[in-house]
Amino acid sequence: MPNLGYFITASLNIPVWDWGVRRSKVRQAEFKHEEAAVELSAAQRTLIRNLRGSYNESQTARQQVDLLRRAST
């Protein structure tokens, strides 16, 4: 009987280590989220400051109008 030879094939699936890529992406997303929150807060403070300035200007203008009305009577 001739020797035909035998061979065995086996495969082993081992998860490949991603060298922290997933963690890095999560941290980048967290940093972007935090940066967006800081920018939103800054925009809100600017809006409130501008609104208060406009309100104060309108109050001053109203006081001037009242003063002029009283002076003209």
PDB file of N, CA and C in Angstrom:
ATOM      1  N   MET A   1       0.819  -1.161   0.000  1.00  0.00           N
ATOM      2  CA  MET A   1       0.000   0.000   0.000  1.00  0.00           C
ATOM      3  C   MET A   1       0.879   1.246   0.000  1.00  0.00           C
ATOM      4  N   PRO A   2       0.690   2.119  -0.969  1.00  0.00           N
ATOM      5  CA  PRO A   2       1.532   3.315  -1.010  1.00  0.00           C
ATOM      6  C   PRO A   2       1.147   4.309   0.087  1.00  0.00           C
ATOM      7  N   ASN A   3       2.150   4.993   0.576  1.00  0.00           N
ATOM      8  CA  ASN A   3       1.948   5.997   1.628  1.00  0.00           C
ATOM      9  C   ASN A   3       1.557   7.314   0.957  1.00  0.00           C
ATOM     10  N   LEU A   4       0.299   7.709   1.089  1.00  0.00           N
ATOM     11  CA  LEU A   4      -0.181   8.931   0.451  1.00  0.00           C
ATOM     12  C   LEU A   4       0.059  10.159   1.323  1.00  0.00           C
ATOM     13  N   GLY A   5       0.281  10.020   2.571  1.00  0.00           N
ATOM     14  CA  GLY A   5       0.540  11.122   3.483  1.00  0.00           C
ATOM     15  C   GLY A   5      -0.757  11.709   4.016  1.00  0.00           C
ATOM     16  N   TYR A   6      -0.622  12.248   5.141  1.00  0.00           N
ATOM     17  CA  TYR A   6      -1.764  12.846   5.799  1.00  0.00           C
ATOM     18  C   TYR A   6      -1.392  14.248   6.265  1.00  0.00           C
ATOM     19  N   PHE A   7      -2.351  15.112   6.290  1.00  0.00           N
ATOM     20  CA  PHE A   7      -2.107  16.438   6.866  1.00  0.00           C
ATOM     21  C   PHE A   7      -3.349  16.874   7.609  1.00  0.00           C
ATOM     22  N   ILE A   8      -3.120  17.685   8.586  1.00  0.00           N
ATOM     23  CA  ILE A   8      -4.210  18.192   9.414  1.00  0.00           C
ATOM     24  C   ILE A   8      -4.212  19.715   9.298  1.00  0.00           C
ATOM     25  N   THR A   9      -5.381  20.268   9.119  1.00  0.00           N
ATOM     26  CA  THR A   9      -5.530  21.714   9.079  1.00  0.00           C
ATOM     27  C   THR A   9      -6.375  22.121  10.276  1.00  0.00           C
ATOM     28  N   ALA A  10      -5.870  23.066  11.008  1.00  0.00           N
ATOM     29  CA  ALA A  10      -6.602  23.582  12.168  1.00  0.00           C
ATOM     30  C   ALA A  10      -6.573  25.106  12.103  1.00  0.00           C
ATOM     31  N   SER A  11      -7.642  25.694  12.529  1.00  0.00           N
ATOM     32  CA  SER A  11      -7.662  27.156  12.587  1.00  0.00           C
ATOM     33  C   SER A  11      -8.054  27.576  13.995  1.00  0.00           C
ATOM     34  N   LEU A  12      -7.428  28.613  14.419  1.00  0.00           N
ATOM     35  CA  LEU A  12      -7.677  29.136  15.748  1.00  0.00           C
ATOM     36  C   LEU A  12      -7.944  30.625  15.611  1.00  0.00           C
ATOM     37  N   ASN A  13      -9.095  31.055  16.056  1.00  0.00           N
ATOM     38  CA  ASN A  13      -9.453  32.472  15.982  1.00  0.00           C
ATOM     39  C   ASN A  13      -9.159  33.132  17.315  1.00  0.00           C
ATOM     40  N   ILE A  14      -8.209  34.031  17.292  1.00  0.00           N
ATOM     41  CA  ILE A  14      -7.830  34.774  18.488  1.00  0.00           C
ATOM     42  C   ILE A  14      -8.169  36.241  18.227  1.00  0.00           C
ATOM     43  N   PRO A  15      -8.906  36.865  19.141  1.00  0.00           N
ATOM     44  CA  PRO A  15      -9.189  38.283  18.925  1.00  0.00           C
ATOM     45  C   PRO A  15      -7.886  39.088  18.868  1.00  0.00           C
ATOM     46  N   VAL A  16      -7.818  39.934  17.889  1.00  0.00           N
ATOM     47  CA  VAL A  16      -6.623  40.752  17.716  1.00  0.00           C
ATOM     48  C   VAL A  16      -6.713  41.938  18.653  1.00  0.00           C
ATOM     49  N   TRP A  17      -5.665  42.197  19.337  1.00  0.00           N
ATOM     50  CA  TRP A  17      -5.620  43.330  20.247  1.00  0.00           C
ATOM     51  C   TRP A  17      -5.581  44.600  19.430  1.00  0.00           C
ATOM     52  N   ASP A  18      -6.432  45.544  19.754  1.00  0.00           N
ATOM     53  CA  ASP A  18      -6.549  46.752  18.938  1.00  0.00           C
ATOM     54  C   ASP A  18      -5.638  47.880  19.402  1.00  0.00           C
ATOM     55  N   TRP A  19      -4.726  47.603  20.309  1.00  0.00           N
ATOM     56  CA  TRP A  19      -3.752  48.582  20.796  1.00  0.00           C
ATOM     57  C   TRP A  19      -4.424  49.829  21.357  1.00  0.00           C
ATOM     58  N   GLY A  20      -5.590  49.671  21.911  1.00  0.00           N
ATOM     59  CA  GLY A  20      -6.260  50.788  22.559  1.00  0.00           C
ATOM     60  C   GLY A  20      -6.996  51.716  21.608  1.00  0.00           C
ATOM     61  N   VAL A  21      -7.202  51.284  20.380  1.00  0.00           N
ATOM     62  CA  VAL A  21      -7.877  52.136  19.400  1.00  0.00           C
ATOM     63  C   VAL A  21      -9.303  52.443  19.848  1.00  0.00           C
ATOM     64  N   ARG A  22     -10.015  51.426  20.324  1.00  0.00           N
ATOM     65  CA  ARG A  22     -11.394  51.638  20.754  1.00  0.00           C
ATOM     66  C   ARG A  22     -11.445  52.615  21.924  1.00  0.00           C
ATOM     67  N   ARG A  23     -10.565  52.418  22.880  1.00  0.00           N
ATOM     68  CA  ARG A  23     -10.539  53.327  24.039  1.00  0.00           C
ATOM     69  C   ARG A  23     -10.178  54.750  23.613  1.00  0.00           C
ATOM     70  N   SER A  24      -9.256  54.851  22.668  1.00  0.00           N
ATOM     71  CA  SER A  24      -8.867  56.166  22.161  1.00  0.00           C
ATOM     72  C   SER A  24     -10.044  56.860  21.485  1.00  0.00           C
ATOM     73  N   LYS A  25     -10.820  56.105  20.706  1.00  0.00           N
ATOM     74  CA  LYS A  25     -11.984  56.696  20.038  1.00  0.00           C
ATOM     75  C   LYS A  25     -13.026  57.144  21.048  1.00  0.00           C
ATOM     76  N   VAL A  26     -13.212  56.345  22.097  1.00  0.00           N
ATOM     77  CA  VAL A  26     -14.169  56.725  23.137  1.00  0.00           C
ATOM     78  C   VAL A  26     -13.705  57.998  23.830  1.00  0.00           C
ATOM     79  N   ARG A  27     -12.419  58.083  24.152  1.00  0.00           N
ATOM     80  CA  ARG A  27     -11.890  59.281  24.813  1.00  0.00           C
ATOM     81  C   ARG A  27     -12.004  60.499  23.915  1.00  0.00           C
ATOM     82  N   GLN A  28     -11.735  60.327  22.613  1.00  0.00           N
ATOM     83  CA  GLN A  28     -11.881  61.441  21.683  1.00  0.00           C
ATOM     84  C   GLN A  28     -13.332  61.918  21.638  1.00  0.00           C
ATOM     85  N   ALA A  29     -14.261  60.978  21.635  1.00  0.00           N
ATOM     86  CA  ALA A  29     -15.676  61.352  21.636  1.00  0.00           C
ATOM     87  C   ALA A  29     -16.038  62.082  22.924  1.00  0.00           C
ATOM     88  N   GLU A  30     -15.492  61.624  24.046  1.00  0.00           N
ATOM     89  CA  GLU A  30     -15.756  62.300  25.321  1.00  0.00           C
ATOM     90  C   GLU A  30     -15.181  63.708  25.310  1.00  0.00           C
ATOM     91  N   PHE A  31     -13.972  63.879  24.763  1.00  0.00           N
ATOM     92  CA  PHE A  31     -13.363  65.205  24.682  1.00  0.00           C
ATOM     93  C   PHE A  31     -14.189  66.125  23.787  1.00  0.00           C
ATOM     94  N   LYS A  32     -14.666  65.596  22.664  1.00  0.00           N
ATOM     95  CA  LYS A  32     -15.491  66.408  21.767  1.00  0.00           C
ATOM     96  C   LYS A  32     -16.794  66.804  22.447  1.00  0.00           C
ATOM     97  N   HIS A  33     -17.373  65.882  23.203  1.00  0.00           N
ATOM     98  CA  HIS A  33     -18.606  66.178  23.936  1.00  0.00           C
ATOM     99  C   HIS A  33     -18.353  67.266  24.972  1.00  0.00           C
ATOM    100  N   GLU A  34     -17.259  67.141  25.695  1.00  0.00           N
ATOM    101  CA  GLU A  34     -16.923  68.151  26.707  1.00  0.00           C
ATOM    102  C   GLU A  34     -16.646  69.501  26.064  1.00  0.00           C
ATOM    103  N   GLU A  35     -15.937  69.485  24.935  1.00  0.00           N
ATOM    104  CA  GLU A  35     -15.642  70.733  24.225  1.00  0.00           C
ATOM    105  C   GLU A  35     -16.935  71.396  23.746  1.00  0.00           C
ATOM    106  N   ALA A  36     -17.859  70.601  23.235  1.00  0.00           N
ATOM    107  CA  ALA A  36     -19.140  71.146  22.786  1.00  0.00           C
ATOM    108  C   ALA A  36     -19.918  71.750  23.950  1.00  0.00           C
ATOM    109  N   ALA A  37     -19.850  71.093  25.116  1.00  0.00           N
ATOM    110  CA  ALA A  37     -20.547  71.619  26.296  1.00  0.00           C
ATOM    111  C   ALA A  37     -19.931  72.946  26.734  1.00  0.00           C
ATOM    112  N   VAL A  38     -18.612  73.045  26.673  1.00  0.00           N
ATOM    113  CA  VAL A  38     -17.932  74.299  27.045  1.00  0.00           C
ATOM    114  C   VAL A  38     -18.292  75.409  26.062  1.00  0.00           C
ATOM    115  N   GLU A  39     -18.302  75.084  24.767  1.00  0.00           N
ATOM    116  CA  GLU A  39     -18.657  76.088  23.766  1.00  0.00           C
ATOM    117  C   GLU A  39     -20.107  76.533  23.923  1.00  0.00           C
ATOM    118  N   LEU A  40     -20.995  75.596  24.228  1.00  0.00           N
ATOM    119  CA  LEU A  40     -22.389  75.949  24.464  1.00  0.00           C
ATOM    120  C   LEU A  40     -22.526  76.873  25.665  1.00  0.00           C
ATOM    121  N   SER A  41     -21.812  76.566  26.724  1.00  0.00           N
ATOM    122  CA  SER A  41     -21.856  77.398  27.922  1.00  0.00           C
ATOM    123  C   SER A  41     -21.339  78.806  27.623  1.00  0.00           C
ATOM    124  N   ALA A  42     -20.258  78.883  26.859  1.00  0.00           N
ATOM    125  CA  ALA A  42     -19.712  80.196  26.495  1.00  0.00           C
ATOM    126  C   ALA A  42     -20.710  80.978  25.640  1.00  0.00           C
ATOM    127  N   ALA A  43     -21.358  80.292  24.706  1.00  0.00           N
ATOM    128  CA  ALA A  43     -22.350  80.957  23.856  1.00  0.00           C
ATOM    129  C   ALA A  43     -23.536  81.438  24.691  1.00  0.00           C
ATOM    130  N   GLN A  44     -23.954  80.631  25.661  1.00  0.00           N
ATOM    131  CA  GLN A  44     -25.063  81.040  26.528  1.00  0.00           C
ATOM    132  C   GLN A  44     -24.682  82.259  27.364  1.00  0.00           C
ATOM    133  N   ARG A  45     -23.464  82.259  27.901  1.00  0.00           N
ATOM    134  CA  ARG A  45     -23.028  83.425  28.690  1.00  0.00           C
ATOM    135  C   ARG A  45     -22.966  84.674  27.837  1.00  0.00           C
ATOM    136  N   THR A  46     -22.477  84.543  26.597  1.00  0.00           N
ATOM    137  CA  THR A  46     -22.411  85.689  25.694  1.00  0.00           C
ATOM    138  C   THR A  46     -23.814  86.198  25.372  1.00  0.00           C
ATOM    139  N   LEU A  47     -24.721  85.285  25.107  1.00  0.00           N
ATOM    140  CA  LEU A  47     -26.099  85.671  24.806  1.00  0.00           C
ATOM    141  C   LEU A  47     -26.743  86.380  25.989  1.00  0.00           C
ATOM    142  N   ILE A  48     -26.549  85.859  27.177  1.00  0.00           N
ATOM    143  CA  ILE A  48     -27.120  86.490  28.373  1.00  0.00           C
ATOM    144  C   ILE A  48     -26.509  87.867  28.594  1.00  0.00           C
ATOM    145  N   ARG A  49     -25.195  87.972  28.396  1.00  0.00           N
ATOM    146  CA  ARG A  49     -24.529  89.278  28.565  1.00  0.00           C
ATOM    147  C   ARG A  49     -25.074  90.297  27.565  1.00  0.00           C
ATOM    148  N   ASN A  50     -25.248  89.869  26.307  1.00  0.00           N
ATOM    149  CA  ASN A  50     -25.792  90.777  25.296  1.00  0.00           C
ATOM    150  C   ASN A  50     -27.238  91.146  25.603  1.00  0.00           C
ATOM    151  N   LEU A  51     -28.010  90.187  26.059  1.00  0.00           N
ATOM    152  CA  LEU A  51     -29.409  90.448  26.409  1.00  0.00           C
ATOM    153  C   LEU A  51     -29.507  91.439  27.567  1.00  0.00           C
ATOM    154  N   ARG A  52     -28.686  91.238  28.574  1.00  0.00           N
ATOM    155  CA  ARG A  52     -28.692  92.174  29.708  1.00  0.00           C
ATOM    156  C   ARG A  52     -28.267  93.567  29.278  1.00  0.00           C
ATOM    157  N   GLY A  53     -27.268  93.641  28.397  1.00  0.00           N
ATOM    158  CA  GLY A  53     -26.833  94.947  27.889  1.00  0.00           C
ATOM    159  C   GLY A  53     -27.941  95.653  27.128  1.00  0.00           C
ATOM    160  N   SER A  54     -28.636  94.901  26.274  1.00  0.00           N
ATOM    161  CA  SER A  54     -29.749  95.489  25.517  1.00  0.00           C
ATOM    162  C   SER A  54     -30.870  95.921  26.452  1.00  0.00           C
ATOM    163  N   TYR A  55     -31.160  95.118  27.458  1.00  0.00           N
ATOM    164  CA  TYR A  55     -32.211  95.461  28.418  1.00  0.00           C
ATOM    165  C   TYR A  55     -31.836  96.738  29.175  1.00  0.00           C
ATOM    166  N   ASN A  56     -30.578  96.817  29.600  1.00  0.00           N
ATOM    167  CA  ASN A  56     -30.132  98.017  30.322  1.00  0.00           C
ATOM    168  C   ASN A  56     -30.203  99.257  29.433  1.00  0.00           C
ATOM    169  N   GLU A  57     -29.855  99.097  28.153  1.00  0.00           N
ATOM    170  CA  GLU A  57     -29.957 100.227  27.222  1.00  0.00           C
ATOM    171  C   GLU A  57     -31.415 100.656  27.063  1.00  0.00           C
ATOM    172  N   SER A  58     -32.317  99.696  26.951  1.00  0.00           N
ATOM    173  CA  SER A  58     -33.727 100.055  26.788  1.00  0.00           C
ATOM    174  C   SER A  58     -34.270 100.713  28.054  1.00  0.00           C
ATOM    175  N   GLN A  59     -33.829 100.257  29.217  1.00  0.00           N
ATOM    176  CA  GLN A  59     -34.250 100.881  30.468  1.00  0.00           C
ATOM    177  C   GLN A  59     -33.751 102.325  30.537  1.00  0.00           C
ATOM    178  N   THR A  60     -32.519 102.544  30.136  1.00  0.00           N
ATOM    179  CA  THR A  60     -31.958 103.896  30.131  1.00  0.00           C
ATOM    180  C   THR A  60     -32.723 104.786  29.155  1.00  0.00           C
ATOM    181  N   ALA A  61     -33.014 104.241  27.982  1.00  0.00           N
ATOM    182  CA  ALA A  61     -33.768 105.022  26.991  1.00  0.00           C
ATOM    183  C   ALA A  61     -35.163 105.350  27.520  1.00  0.00           C
ATOM    184  N   ARG A  62     -35.805 104.400  28.173  1.00  0.00           N
ATOM    185  CA  ARG A  62     -37.135 104.651  28.725  1.00  0.00           C
ATOM    186  C   ARG A  62     -37.074 105.723  29.808  1.00  0.00           C
ATOM    187  N   GLN A  63     -36.062 105.672  30.643  1.00  0.00           N
ATOM    188  CA  GLN A  63     -35.913 106.696  31.683  1.00  0.00           C
ATOM    189  C   GLN A  63     -35.702 108.070  31.058  1.00  0.00           C
ATOM    190  N   GLN A  64     -34.927 108.124  29.977  1.00  0.00           N
ATOM    191  CA  GLN A  64     -34.702 109.404  29.304  1.00  0.00           C
ATOM    192  C   GLN A  64     -36.010 109.932  28.713  1.00  0.00           C
ATOM    193  N   VAL A  65     -36.786 109.035  28.094  1.00  0.00           N
ATOM    194  CA  VAL A  65     -38.069 109.462  27.529  1.00  0.00           C
ATOM    195  C   VAL A  65     -38.987 109.972  28.631  1.00  0.00           C
ATOM    196  N   ASP A  66     -39.069 109.262  29.744  1.00  0.00           N
ATOM    197  CA  ASP A  66     -39.900 109.699  30.868  1.00  0.00           C
ATOM    198  C   ASP A  66     -39.436 111.051  31.394  1.00  0.00           C
ATOM    199  N   LEU A  67     -38.135 111.221  31.489  1.00  0.00           N
ATOM    200  CA  LEU A  67     -37.573 112.486  31.970  1.00  0.00           C
ATOM    201  C   LEU A  67     -37.934 113.626  31.019  1.00  0.00           C
ATOM    202  N   LEU A  68     -37.811 113.385  29.715  1.00  0.00           N
ATOM    203  CA  LEU A  68     -38.151 114.407  28.739  1.00  0.00           C
ATOM    204  C   LEU A  68     -39.641 114.728  28.743  1.00  0.00           C
ATOM    205  N   ARG A  69     -40.492 113.713  28.944  1.00  0.00           N
ATOM    206  CA  ARG A  69     -41.934 113.957  29.033  1.00  0.00           C
ATOM    207  C   ARG A  69     -42.280 114.834  30.234  1.00  0.00           C
ATOM    208  N   ARG A  70     -41.653 114.522  31.355  1.00  0.00           N
ATOM    209  CA  ARG A  70     -41.901 115.311  32.558  1.00  0.00           C
ATOM    210  C   ARG A  70     -41.379 116.737  32.387  1.00  0.00           C
ATOM    211  N   ALA A  71     -40.267 116.879  31.707  1.00  0.00           N
ATOM    212  CA  ALA A  71     -39.690 118.212  31.513  1.00  0.00           C
ATOM    213  C   ALA A  71     -40.523 119.045  30.542  1.00  0.00           C
ATOM    214  N   SER A  72     -41.190 118.410  29.614  1.00  0.00           N
ATOM    215  CA  SER A  72     -41.959 119.161  28.613  1.00  0.00           C
ATOM    216  C   SER A  72     -43.329 119.568  29.142  1.00  0.00           C
ATOM    217  N   THR A  73     -43.786 118.997  30.213  1.00  0.00           N
ATOM    218  CA  THR A  73     -45.101 119.372  30.734  1.00  0.00           C
ATOM    219  C   THR A  73     -45.056 120.492  31.718  1.00  0.00           C
TER     220      THR A  73
END
